N, C-alpha and C. Protein backbone atom coordinates (compact mmCIF):
# COMPACT_ATOMS: atom_id res chain seq x y z
N GLY A 1 -15.42 15.75 2.66
CA GLY A 1 -16.55 15.08 2.85
C GLY A 1 -16.95 14.56 1.34
N GLU A 2 -16.65 15.05 0.22
CA GLU A 2 -16.77 14.63 -1.28
C GLU A 2 -15.71 13.48 -1.59
N VAL A 3 -14.97 13.21 -0.82
CA VAL A 3 -13.93 12.33 -1.26
C VAL A 3 -14.16 11.03 -0.93
N ASP A 4 -14.02 9.98 -2.15
CA ASP A 4 -14.51 8.69 -2.06
C ASP A 4 -13.05 7.54 -1.92
N ALA A 5 -11.79 8.46 -2.13
CA ALA A 5 -10.63 7.32 -2.11
C ALA A 5 -9.71 8.24 -2.12
N VAL A 6 -8.27 7.65 -1.30
CA VAL A 6 -7.19 8.44 -1.26
C VAL A 6 -6.06 7.03 -1.60
N LEU A 7 -5.34 7.58 -2.43
CA LEU A 7 -4.42 6.82 -3.10
C LEU A 7 -3.10 7.43 -3.02
N THR A 8 -1.96 6.71 -1.98
CA THR A 8 -0.69 7.17 -1.78
C THR A 8 0.16 6.63 -2.75
N GLY A 9 1.34 6.91 -3.01
CA GLY A 9 2.34 6.39 -3.92
C GLY A 9 3.65 6.96 -3.44
N TYR A 10 4.73 7.41 -4.47
CA TYR A 10 5.78 7.51 -4.14
C TYR A 10 5.99 8.81 -3.11
N LEU A 11 6.75 8.30 -1.99
CA LEU A 11 6.78 9.49 -1.02
C LEU A 11 8.20 9.20 -0.48
N PRO A 12 9.12 10.26 -1.01
CA PRO A 12 10.69 9.80 -0.99
C PRO A 12 11.33 10.34 0.25
N SER A 13 10.68 10.88 1.07
CA SER A 13 11.13 11.22 2.58
C SER A 13 10.07 11.02 3.74
N ALA A 14 10.78 10.89 4.87
CA ALA A 14 9.74 10.75 6.07
C ALA A 14 9.03 11.83 6.04
N ALA A 15 9.30 12.98 5.78
CA ALA A 15 8.33 14.15 6.06
C ALA A 15 7.09 14.17 5.23
N HIS A 16 7.09 13.53 3.88
CA HIS A 16 6.21 13.25 2.86
C HIS A 16 5.00 12.33 3.42
N VAL A 17 6.06 11.10 4.00
CA VAL A 17 4.98 10.16 4.68
C VAL A 17 4.05 10.73 5.75
N HIS A 18 4.75 11.55 6.79
CA HIS A 18 3.96 12.00 7.77
C HIS A 18 2.65 12.89 7.27
N ALA A 19 3.08 13.64 6.29
CA ALA A 19 2.05 14.70 5.74
C ALA A 19 1.04 14.00 5.05
N ALA A 20 1.38 12.75 4.46
CA ALA A 20 0.19 11.93 3.64
C ALA A 20 -0.71 11.31 5.05
N ALA A 21 -0.04 10.95 5.95
CA ALA A 21 -0.77 10.04 7.03
C ALA A 21 -1.74 11.12 7.76
N ARG A 22 -1.29 12.53 7.91
CA ARG A 22 -2.16 13.67 8.47
C ARG A 22 -3.19 13.85 7.41
N LEU A 23 -3.06 13.73 6.02
CA LEU A 23 -4.33 13.94 5.16
C LEU A 23 -5.34 12.82 5.29
N VAL A 24 -4.42 11.65 5.40
CA VAL A 24 -5.76 10.45 5.49
C VAL A 24 -6.54 10.85 6.85
N ASP A 25 -5.86 11.23 7.96
CA ASP A 25 -6.65 11.38 9.22
C ASP A 25 -7.63 12.41 9.05
N LEU A 26 -7.43 13.44 8.24
CA LEU A 26 -8.29 14.39 8.05
C LEU A 26 -9.40 14.21 7.16
N VAL A 27 -9.06 13.64 6.01
CA VAL A 27 -10.21 12.93 5.12
C VAL A 27 -11.01 11.87 6.11
N ARG A 28 -10.59 11.01 6.72
CA ARG A 28 -11.33 10.18 7.63
C ARG A 28 -12.29 10.65 8.41
N ARG A 29 -11.84 11.88 8.82
CA ARG A 29 -12.76 12.67 9.92
C ARG A 29 -13.89 13.06 9.29
N ARG A 30 -13.85 13.38 8.03
CA ARG A 30 -14.80 14.11 6.85
C ARG A 30 -15.70 12.89 6.46
N SER A 31 -15.12 11.95 5.93
CA SER A 31 -15.97 10.73 5.50
C SER A 31 -15.36 9.38 5.85
N ALA A 32 -15.84 8.81 6.94
CA ALA A 32 -15.77 7.63 7.29
C ALA A 32 -15.36 6.34 6.61
N ASP A 33 -16.25 6.54 5.30
CA ASP A 33 -15.98 5.41 4.56
C ASP A 33 -15.11 5.24 3.26
N VAL A 34 -14.34 6.27 3.19
CA VAL A 34 -13.24 6.57 2.13
C VAL A 34 -12.30 5.29 2.05
N CYS A 35 -12.24 5.06 0.91
CA CYS A 35 -11.33 3.83 0.52
C CYS A 35 -9.71 4.62 0.41
N VAL A 36 -9.00 3.79 1.65
CA VAL A 36 -7.50 4.35 1.62
C VAL A 36 -6.55 3.27 0.96
N VAL A 37 -6.00 3.67 -0.19
CA VAL A 37 -4.99 2.64 -0.76
C VAL A 37 -3.71 3.02 -0.85
N CYS A 38 -2.75 2.37 -0.28
CA CYS A 38 -1.33 2.37 -0.06
C CYS A 38 -0.48 1.63 -1.09
N ASP A 39 0.04 2.41 -2.00
CA ASP A 39 0.83 1.83 -2.95
C ASP A 39 2.51 2.09 -2.36
N PRO A 40 2.90 1.13 -1.50
CA PRO A 40 4.06 1.48 -0.97
C PRO A 40 5.48 1.56 -1.83
N VAL A 41 5.70 2.52 -2.54
CA VAL A 41 6.79 2.70 -3.39
C VAL A 41 8.11 2.63 -2.78
N LEU A 42 8.70 1.42 -2.63
CA LEU A 42 9.85 1.52 -1.81
C LEU A 42 11.04 1.13 -2.62
N GLY A 43 10.89 -0.02 -3.67
CA GLY A 43 11.89 -0.26 -4.31
C GLY A 43 11.65 -1.74 -5.08
N ASP A 44 12.61 -2.34 -5.79
CA ASP A 44 12.11 -3.56 -6.57
C ASP A 44 13.82 -4.36 -6.39
N TRP A 45 13.51 -5.68 -6.68
CA TRP A 45 14.86 -6.34 -7.00
C TRP A 45 15.24 -5.84 -8.32
N PRO A 46 16.71 -5.97 -8.81
CA PRO A 46 17.66 -6.39 -7.77
C PRO A 46 18.44 -4.97 -6.92
N LYS A 47 17.79 -4.05 -7.40
CA LYS A 47 18.28 -2.55 -6.68
C LYS A 47 18.42 -2.48 -5.28
N GLY A 48 16.97 -2.98 -4.70
CA GLY A 48 16.62 -2.69 -3.35
C GLY A 48 15.65 -1.64 -3.16
N LEU A 49 16.02 -0.95 -2.01
CA LEU A 49 15.35 0.21 -1.67
C LEU A 49 15.95 1.34 -2.38
N TYR A 50 14.99 2.19 -2.93
CA TYR A 50 15.22 3.53 -3.84
C TYR A 50 14.80 4.65 -2.95
N ILE A 51 14.13 4.75 -1.91
CA ILE A 51 13.90 5.76 -1.16
C ILE A 51 14.79 5.46 0.40
N ALA A 52 14.72 6.51 1.05
CA ALA A 52 15.32 6.55 2.41
C ALA A 52 14.78 5.66 3.16
N THR A 53 15.83 4.91 4.23
CA THR A 53 15.22 4.01 5.17
C THR A 53 14.31 4.77 5.96
N ASP A 54 14.56 5.64 6.58
CA ASP A 54 13.37 6.40 7.32
C ASP A 54 12.19 6.41 6.76
N ALA A 55 12.14 6.87 5.32
CA ALA A 55 10.78 7.22 4.83
C ALA A 55 10.11 5.55 4.53
N ALA A 56 10.75 4.53 4.34
CA ALA A 56 10.28 3.28 4.15
C ALA A 56 9.77 2.70 5.45
N ARG A 57 10.58 3.09 6.65
CA ARG A 57 10.00 2.42 7.85
C ARG A 57 8.69 3.65 8.25
N ALA A 58 8.74 4.86 8.04
CA ALA A 58 7.27 5.52 8.14
C ALA A 58 6.43 5.19 7.41
N MET A 59 6.61 4.66 6.37
CA MET A 59 5.63 4.01 5.49
C MET A 59 4.99 2.91 5.97
N ARG A 60 5.75 1.97 6.52
CA ARG A 60 5.56 0.68 7.25
C ARG A 60 4.68 1.20 8.58
N ASP A 61 5.13 1.86 9.50
CA ASP A 61 4.73 1.93 10.57
C ASP A 61 3.55 3.16 10.63
N GLU A 62 3.50 4.14 9.87
CA GLU A 62 2.44 5.04 9.76
C GLU A 62 1.25 4.90 8.88
N LEU A 63 1.71 4.84 7.53
CA LEU A 63 0.85 5.02 6.68
C LEU A 63 0.00 3.36 6.23
N LEU A 64 0.50 2.54 6.20
CA LEU A 64 0.04 1.18 6.07
C LEU A 64 -1.10 0.82 7.05
N PRO A 65 -0.79 1.00 8.52
CA PRO A 65 -1.99 0.84 9.32
C PRO A 65 -3.01 1.72 9.17
N ARG A 66 -3.19 2.75 8.31
CA ARG A 66 -4.30 3.59 8.08
C ARG A 66 -4.74 3.13 6.86
N ALA A 67 -4.22 2.35 6.30
CA ALA A 67 -4.87 2.12 4.71
C ALA A 67 -5.75 0.67 5.08
N ASP A 68 -6.67 0.76 4.09
CA ASP A 68 -7.62 -0.47 3.88
C ASP A 68 -7.19 -1.32 2.84
N VAL A 69 -6.42 -0.80 1.94
CA VAL A 69 -5.72 -1.69 0.82
C VAL A 69 -4.24 -1.48 0.50
N ALA A 70 -3.46 -2.30 0.24
CA ALA A 70 -2.17 -2.21 0.00
C ALA A 70 -1.51 -2.84 -1.39
N THR A 71 -0.83 -2.10 -2.01
CA THR A 71 -0.45 -2.81 -3.47
C THR A 71 1.30 -2.77 -3.72
N PRO A 72 1.80 -3.71 -2.70
CA PRO A 72 3.38 -3.63 -2.96
C PRO A 72 3.56 -4.84 -4.07
N ASN A 73 5.12 -4.52 -4.55
CA ASN A 73 5.33 -5.52 -5.32
C ASN A 73 6.17 -6.51 -4.36
N VAL A 74 6.67 -7.84 -4.89
CA VAL A 74 7.06 -8.78 -3.92
C VAL A 74 8.34 -8.26 -3.23
N PHE A 75 9.17 -7.40 -3.85
CA PHE A 75 10.71 -6.76 -2.73
C PHE A 75 9.81 -6.12 -1.88
N GLU A 76 8.85 -5.14 -2.24
CA GLU A 76 8.40 -4.30 -1.26
C GLU A 76 7.56 -5.29 0.14
N LEU A 77 6.93 -5.91 -0.46
CA LEU A 77 6.15 -7.09 0.53
C LEU A 77 7.18 -7.67 1.32
N SER A 78 8.31 -8.17 0.98
CA SER A 78 9.41 -8.91 1.76
C SER A 78 9.73 -7.81 2.58
N TRP A 79 10.20 -6.78 2.21
CA TRP A 79 10.98 -5.66 3.15
C TRP A 79 9.77 -5.22 4.13
N LEU A 80 8.62 -5.05 3.99
CA LEU A 80 7.93 -4.76 4.83
C LEU A 80 7.61 -5.53 6.01
N THR A 81 7.62 -6.87 5.53
CA THR A 81 7.12 -7.96 6.55
C THR A 81 8.23 -9.03 7.03
N GLY A 82 9.77 -8.54 6.28
CA GLY A 82 10.89 -9.57 6.93
C GLY A 82 10.45 -10.99 6.43
N LEU A 83 9.66 -11.41 5.62
CA LEU A 83 9.29 -12.78 5.13
C LEU A 83 9.74 -12.88 3.82
N PRO A 84 9.95 -14.25 3.24
CA PRO A 84 10.17 -14.59 1.85
C PRO A 84 9.12 -14.53 1.02
N THR A 85 9.30 -14.13 -0.29
CA THR A 85 8.12 -13.81 -1.24
C THR A 85 8.59 -14.41 -2.68
N ALA A 86 9.22 -15.61 -2.53
CA ALA A 86 9.45 -16.27 -3.81
C ALA A 86 8.72 -16.90 -4.70
N ASP A 87 7.17 -17.31 -4.12
CA ASP A 87 6.49 -17.66 -4.93
C ASP A 87 5.17 -17.22 -4.37
N ILE A 88 3.97 -17.77 -4.96
CA ILE A 88 2.50 -17.27 -4.63
C ILE A 88 2.20 -17.64 -3.49
N GLU A 89 2.50 -18.71 -2.80
CA GLU A 89 2.16 -19.17 -1.43
C GLU A 89 2.93 -18.32 -0.44
N GLU A 90 4.39 -17.95 -0.67
CA GLU A 90 4.82 -17.32 0.44
C GLU A 90 4.51 -15.89 0.15
N ALA A 91 4.28 -15.19 -0.76
CA ALA A 91 3.81 -14.03 -1.02
C ALA A 91 2.46 -13.78 -0.23
N ALA A 92 1.72 -14.51 -0.58
CA ALA A 92 0.27 -14.64 -0.05
C ALA A 92 0.38 -14.77 1.83
N ALA A 93 1.08 -15.64 2.05
CA ALA A 93 1.28 -15.53 3.48
C ALA A 93 1.90 -14.28 4.11
N ALA A 94 2.83 -13.88 3.41
CA ALA A 94 3.36 -12.65 3.99
C ALA A 94 2.41 -11.50 4.01
N ALA A 95 1.75 -11.53 3.14
CA ALA A 95 0.65 -10.46 2.68
C ALA A 95 -0.48 -10.61 4.04
N GLN A 96 -0.69 -11.68 4.18
CA GLN A 96 -1.70 -11.74 5.37
C GLN A 96 -1.13 -11.39 6.66
N ARG A 97 0.12 -10.86 6.88
CA ARG A 97 0.71 -10.56 7.96
C ARG A 97 0.57 -8.90 8.09
N LEU A 98 0.30 -8.29 6.98
CA LEU A 98 0.38 -6.56 6.79
C LEU A 98 -1.14 -6.35 7.41
N GLN A 99 -0.91 -5.08 7.81
CA GLN A 99 -1.84 -4.55 8.41
C GLN A 99 -3.20 -4.34 7.55
N PRO A 100 -3.02 -3.60 6.57
CA PRO A 100 -4.28 -3.55 5.60
C PRO A 100 -4.83 -4.97 5.45
N GLY A 101 -6.38 -5.16 5.50
CA GLY A 101 -7.01 -6.23 5.32
C GLY A 101 -7.00 -6.64 3.88
N THR A 102 -6.64 -5.87 2.99
CA THR A 102 -6.83 -6.51 1.46
C THR A 102 -5.27 -5.90 0.98
N VAL A 103 -4.70 -6.91 0.38
CA VAL A 103 -3.36 -6.85 -0.11
C VAL A 103 -3.49 -7.33 -1.77
N TYR A 104 -2.87 -6.48 -2.70
CA TYR A 104 -2.55 -6.78 -4.07
C TYR A 104 -0.99 -6.86 -4.14
N ILE A 105 -0.38 -8.17 -4.50
CA ILE A 105 0.67 -8.16 -4.77
C ILE A 105 1.36 -8.27 -6.20
N SER A 106 2.12 -7.55 -6.69
CA SER A 106 2.51 -7.45 -8.44
C SER A 106 4.12 -8.09 -8.25
N SER A 107 4.26 -8.68 -9.43
CA SER A 107 5.38 -9.13 -9.67
C SER A 107 6.07 -10.44 -8.95
N VAL A 108 4.79 -11.38 -8.87
CA VAL A 108 4.94 -12.63 -8.16
C VAL A 108 5.40 -13.70 -8.99
N PRO A 109 6.52 -14.31 -8.74
CA PRO A 109 7.00 -15.39 -9.43
C PRO A 109 5.62 -16.54 -9.71
N ALA A 110 5.12 -16.85 -10.96
CA ALA A 110 4.45 -17.71 -10.99
C ALA A 110 4.88 -19.31 -11.16
N ARG A 111 3.97 -20.23 -11.33
CA ARG A 111 4.40 -21.44 -11.25
C ARG A 111 5.23 -21.83 -12.69
N ASP A 112 4.64 -21.05 -13.89
CA ASP A 112 5.43 -21.31 -14.87
C ASP A 112 6.28 -20.00 -15.16
N PRO A 113 7.67 -20.09 -15.50
CA PRO A 113 8.60 -19.41 -15.60
C PRO A 113 8.33 -18.59 -16.77
N ASN A 114 7.44 -18.60 -17.65
CA ASN A 114 7.28 -17.63 -18.74
C ASN A 114 5.90 -16.68 -18.12
N GLU A 115 5.50 -16.92 -16.83
CA GLU A 115 4.51 -16.06 -16.53
C GLU A 115 4.87 -15.27 -15.21
N ILE A 116 4.07 -14.13 -14.96
CA ILE A 116 4.15 -13.45 -13.66
C ILE A 116 2.77 -13.32 -13.09
N ALA A 117 2.77 -13.13 -11.67
CA ALA A 117 1.14 -13.45 -11.06
C ALA A 117 1.10 -12.30 -10.42
N THR A 118 -0.40 -11.79 -10.18
CA THR A 118 -0.68 -10.75 -9.18
C THR A 118 -1.40 -11.44 -8.10
N VAL A 119 -1.26 -11.49 -7.05
CA VAL A 119 -1.90 -12.07 -6.08
C VAL A 119 -2.78 -11.17 -5.08
N LEU A 120 -3.99 -11.61 -4.91
CA LEU A 120 -4.96 -10.67 -4.10
C LEU A 120 -5.12 -11.62 -2.79
N ALA A 121 -4.48 -10.94 -1.67
CA ALA A 121 -4.72 -11.82 -0.38
C ALA A 121 -5.35 -10.74 0.68
N THR A 122 -6.58 -11.60 1.34
CA THR A 122 -6.98 -10.98 2.77
C THR A 122 -7.02 -12.17 3.60
N HIS A 123 -7.55 -11.60 4.66
CA HIS A 123 -7.03 -12.70 5.98
C HIS A 123 -7.81 -14.09 5.88
N ASP A 124 -8.81 -13.97 5.07
CA ASP A 124 -9.17 -15.37 4.81
C ASP A 124 -9.45 -15.92 3.32
N HIS A 125 -8.78 -15.21 2.50
CA HIS A 125 -9.20 -15.62 0.84
C HIS A 125 -7.72 -15.17 0.18
N ILE A 126 -7.48 -16.19 -0.91
CA ILE A 126 -6.34 -15.94 -1.70
C ILE A 126 -6.80 -16.20 -3.19
N GLU A 127 -6.33 -15.40 -4.01
CA GLU A 127 -6.46 -15.48 -5.38
C GLU A 127 -5.32 -14.82 -6.06
N SER A 128 -4.96 -15.65 -7.43
CA SER A 128 -4.01 -15.14 -8.11
C SER A 128 -4.52 -14.91 -9.66
N SER A 129 -3.78 -14.23 -10.43
CA SER A 129 -3.86 -14.35 -11.91
C SER A 129 -2.50 -14.37 -12.35
N ALA A 130 -2.32 -15.05 -13.55
CA ALA A 130 -1.02 -15.31 -14.07
C ALA A 130 -0.92 -14.51 -15.74
N TRP A 131 -0.12 -13.85 -15.86
CA TRP A 131 0.10 -13.18 -17.22
C TRP A 131 1.48 -13.54 -18.00
N GLU A 132 1.34 -13.24 -19.17
CA GLU A 132 2.55 -13.67 -19.80
C GLU A 132 3.65 -12.49 -19.38
N LYS A 133 4.70 -13.17 -19.35
CA LYS A 133 6.07 -12.27 -18.66
C LYS A 133 6.80 -11.66 -19.58
N PHE A 134 7.09 -10.36 -19.81
CA PHE A 134 7.90 -9.90 -20.68
C PHE A 134 9.19 -9.24 -20.46
N ASP A 135 10.24 -9.21 -20.96
CA ASP A 135 11.50 -9.01 -20.69
C ASP A 135 11.87 -8.02 -20.06
N SER A 136 11.12 -6.71 -20.59
CA SER A 136 11.09 -5.61 -19.99
C SER A 136 9.76 -4.86 -19.95
N VAL A 137 9.58 -4.14 -18.87
CA VAL A 137 8.16 -3.02 -18.73
C VAL A 137 8.59 -2.01 -18.23
N PRO A 138 8.14 -0.88 -19.27
CA PRO A 138 8.48 0.35 -19.07
C PRO A 138 8.01 0.88 -17.47
N HIS A 139 8.62 1.62 -16.89
CA HIS A 139 8.13 2.24 -15.63
C HIS A 139 6.63 2.82 -15.51
N GLY A 140 5.63 2.67 -14.27
CA GLY A 140 4.43 3.03 -14.58
C GLY A 140 3.58 2.25 -14.27
N ALA A 141 3.79 0.85 -14.67
CA ALA A 141 2.88 -0.40 -14.63
C ALA A 141 2.31 -0.28 -13.43
N GLY A 142 2.80 -0.34 -12.36
CA GLY A 142 2.50 -0.35 -10.91
C GLY A 142 1.70 0.51 -10.67
N ASP A 143 2.14 2.01 -10.85
CA ASP A 143 1.17 3.18 -10.64
C ASP A 143 -0.25 3.09 -11.26
N LEU A 144 -0.05 2.37 -12.43
CA LEU A 144 -1.45 2.23 -13.27
C LEU A 144 -2.28 1.37 -12.67
N MET A 145 -1.69 0.24 -12.45
CA MET A 145 -2.38 -0.90 -11.66
C MET A 145 -3.13 -0.43 -10.25
N ALA A 146 -2.19 0.26 -9.49
CA ALA A 146 -2.83 0.87 -8.07
C ALA A 146 -3.94 1.71 -8.37
N GLY A 147 -3.59 2.70 -9.30
CA GLY A 147 -4.80 3.73 -9.87
C GLY A 147 -6.28 3.03 -10.34
N LEU A 148 -6.11 2.13 -11.13
CA LEU A 148 -7.23 1.37 -11.59
C LEU A 148 -7.93 0.71 -10.43
N LEU A 149 -7.02 0.00 -9.60
CA LEU A 149 -7.47 -0.92 -8.45
C LEU A 149 -8.18 0.31 -7.48
N THR A 150 -7.71 1.33 -7.22
CA THR A 150 -8.51 2.15 -6.27
C THR A 150 -9.67 2.78 -6.94
N GLY A 151 -9.77 2.86 -8.36
CA GLY A 151 -10.99 3.54 -8.88
C GLY A 151 -12.20 2.26 -8.76
N TYR A 152 -11.80 1.23 -9.22
CA TYR A 152 -12.69 0.05 -8.99
C TYR A 152 -13.30 -0.28 -7.79
N LEU A 153 -12.32 -0.22 -6.72
CA LEU A 153 -12.77 -0.59 -5.34
C LEU A 153 -13.80 0.87 -4.93
N ALA A 154 -13.44 2.02 -5.12
CA ALA A 154 -14.23 3.21 -4.60
C ALA A 154 -15.42 3.08 -5.36
N ALA A 155 -15.43 2.46 -6.65
CA ALA A 155 -16.99 2.55 -7.46
C ALA A 155 -17.60 1.11 -6.42
N GLY A 156 -17.21 0.58 -5.58
CA GLY A 156 -17.92 -0.70 -5.16
C GLY A 156 -17.71 -1.81 -5.56
N MET A 157 -16.87 -2.41 -6.42
CA MET A 157 -16.35 -3.79 -7.03
C MET A 157 -15.74 -4.36 -5.92
N ASN A 158 -15.98 -5.74 -5.96
CA ASN A 158 -15.59 -6.52 -5.16
C ASN A 158 -14.01 -6.69 -5.41
N PRO A 159 -12.99 -6.88 -4.19
CA PRO A 159 -11.64 -7.23 -4.49
C PRO A 159 -10.99 -8.12 -5.50
N ALA A 160 -11.93 -9.10 -5.90
CA ALA A 160 -11.52 -10.26 -6.57
C ALA A 160 -11.83 -9.69 -8.19
N ARG A 161 -12.97 -9.33 -8.31
CA ARG A 161 -13.47 -8.69 -9.58
C ARG A 161 -12.55 -7.39 -9.94
N ALA A 162 -12.15 -6.63 -8.95
CA ALA A 162 -11.19 -5.51 -9.31
C ALA A 162 -9.84 -6.03 -9.75
N LEU A 163 -9.35 -6.84 -8.93
CA LEU A 163 -8.03 -7.77 -9.45
C LEU A 163 -8.15 -8.02 -11.00
N GLU A 164 -9.05 -8.85 -11.53
CA GLU A 164 -9.38 -9.46 -12.85
C GLU A 164 -9.62 -8.16 -13.93
N GLN A 165 -10.30 -7.19 -13.56
CA GLN A 165 -10.47 -6.20 -14.55
C GLN A 165 -9.06 -5.02 -14.52
N ALA A 166 -8.71 -4.67 -13.39
CA ALA A 166 -7.36 -3.74 -13.48
C ALA A 166 -6.18 -4.67 -14.16
N GLY A 167 -6.25 -6.12 -13.90
CA GLY A 167 -4.79 -6.86 -14.45
C GLY A 167 -5.09 -6.95 -15.87
N ARG A 168 -6.04 -6.97 -16.33
CA ARG A 168 -6.41 -7.28 -17.77
C ARG A 168 -6.26 -6.07 -18.31
N GLN A 169 -6.35 -4.95 -17.96
CA GLN A 169 -6.49 -3.69 -18.46
C GLN A 169 -4.62 -3.04 -18.30
N VAL A 170 -4.11 -3.38 -17.56
CA VAL A 170 -2.51 -3.39 -17.35
C VAL A 170 -1.93 -4.22 -18.32
N TYR A 171 -2.28 -5.38 -18.48
CA TYR A 171 -1.66 -6.47 -19.36
C TYR A 171 -1.78 -5.67 -20.93
N GLU A 172 -3.13 -5.20 -21.00
CA GLU A 172 -3.36 -4.55 -22.42
C GLU A 172 -1.89 -3.47 -22.54
N VAL A 173 -2.16 -2.68 -21.66
CA VAL A 173 -1.22 -1.56 -21.92
C VAL A 173 0.10 -1.75 -21.99
N VAL A 174 0.62 -2.88 -21.22
CA VAL A 174 1.90 -3.33 -21.07
C VAL A 174 2.48 -4.05 -22.37
N ALA A 175 1.37 -5.01 -23.04
CA ALA A 175 1.67 -5.57 -24.32
C ALA A 175 1.78 -4.55 -25.25
N ALA A 176 1.13 -3.36 -25.07
CA ALA A 176 1.04 -2.37 -26.57
C ALA A 176 2.38 -1.54 -26.17
N SER A 177 3.12 -1.60 -25.15
CA SER A 177 4.36 -0.92 -24.58
C SER A 177 5.63 -1.74 -24.97
N ARG A 178 5.61 -2.88 -25.64
CA ARG A 178 6.70 -3.54 -25.76
C ARG A 178 7.58 -2.75 -26.71
N GLY A 179 9.07 -2.70 -26.39
CA GLY A 179 9.89 -1.95 -27.18
C GLY A 179 9.67 -0.49 -27.03
N HIS A 180 9.07 -0.03 -26.16
CA HIS A 180 8.81 1.34 -25.83
C HIS A 180 9.59 1.75 -24.41
N SER A 181 10.13 2.83 -24.05
CA SER A 181 10.58 3.08 -22.51
C SER A 181 9.47 3.68 -21.96
N GLU A 182 8.38 3.94 -22.27
CA GLU A 182 7.23 4.79 -21.75
C GLU A 182 6.04 3.76 -21.85
N LEU A 183 4.99 3.71 -21.07
CA LEU A 183 3.75 3.03 -21.29
C LEU A 183 2.95 3.74 -22.53
N ALA A 184 2.67 3.05 -23.48
CA ALA A 184 2.22 3.25 -24.73
C ALA A 184 0.75 3.85 -24.41
N ARG A 185 -0.02 4.91 -25.02
CA ARG A 185 -1.39 5.32 -25.17
C ARG A 185 -2.02 4.25 -25.80
N VAL A 186 -2.96 3.62 -25.16
CA VAL A 186 -4.01 2.57 -26.14
C VAL A 186 -5.53 2.83 -26.20
N GLY A 187 -5.83 4.26 -26.15
CA GLY A 187 -7.18 4.49 -26.10
C GLY A 187 -8.05 3.69 -24.82
N PRO A 188 -9.27 3.56 -25.31
CA PRO A 188 -10.07 3.00 -24.13
C PRO A 188 -9.74 1.72 -24.09
N LEU A 189 -9.49 1.42 -22.51
CA LEU A 189 -9.08 0.13 -22.14
C LEU A 189 -10.06 -0.73 -22.24
N GLN A 190 -9.80 -2.12 -22.99
CA GLN A 190 -10.71 -2.99 -22.94
C GLN A 190 -10.43 -3.92 -22.08
N ALA A 191 -11.36 -4.84 -21.42
CA ALA A 191 -11.15 -5.96 -20.81
C ALA A 191 -12.05 -7.01 -20.91
N SER A 192 -12.60 -7.49 -22.17
CA SER A 192 -13.25 -8.43 -22.57
C SER A 192 -12.64 -9.53 -23.04
N HIS A 193 -11.29 -9.62 -23.69
CA HIS A 193 -10.71 -10.52 -23.95
C HIS A 193 -9.96 -11.34 -22.99
N PRO A 194 -9.91 -12.68 -22.97
CA PRO A 194 -9.45 -13.52 -22.04
C PRO A 194 -7.95 -13.71 -21.97
N VAL A 195 -7.16 -12.68 -21.37
CA VAL A 195 -5.67 -12.72 -21.43
C VAL A 195 -5.11 -13.09 -20.30
N ALA A 196 -5.75 -13.70 -19.31
CA ALA A 196 -5.16 -13.74 -18.08
C ALA A 196 -5.77 -15.26 -17.57
N ARG A 197 -5.26 -16.28 -17.00
CA ARG A 197 -5.77 -17.41 -16.49
C ARG A 197 -5.64 -17.39 -15.08
N SER A 198 -6.53 -18.40 -14.19
CA SER A 198 -6.34 -18.25 -12.69
C SER A 198 -5.15 -19.03 -12.46
N ALA A 199 -4.21 -18.40 -11.53
CA ALA A 199 -2.66 -19.10 -11.39
C ALA A 199 -2.86 -20.24 -10.37
């Protein structure tokens, strides 16, 4: 009853997904207002799926329908929906077909080829922010984004403001991590400087 949010991430087998779904149900019985965020860590372009196919299907069929929010990248969104996600409009349309009412999509090709977009899609609203595109980004940026979004949403921030705040902070970390194989530690995250523009 003291849990404000649940965030699920990398679940390599169907058994892991089943266990996570049971825990979500348990928490919801104790706290109906809990914010459940599913980060469906399935794979990425160009490698494709990097978890077992039955685990990916279980995530799609069992965990996503239990979530309030999903945070897929464009590959994951396309795999989950069977729809194209080659630009902001396609990604938003695909996201509106997912079960959760709020979807944040990362790594969306922006209109400017030097930028990458993050898109927020609900059933009746679409918003996006574009950021400088780096040649390489250490693993963990998506995990950081999902964690920050979960914290802000659990604290009552509206989805668009959570996107703005978390996006700026992830950009700050990724920019500081250029040339490193891991995300850099940057101290207290600042979100006051304008590093993003509306896409």
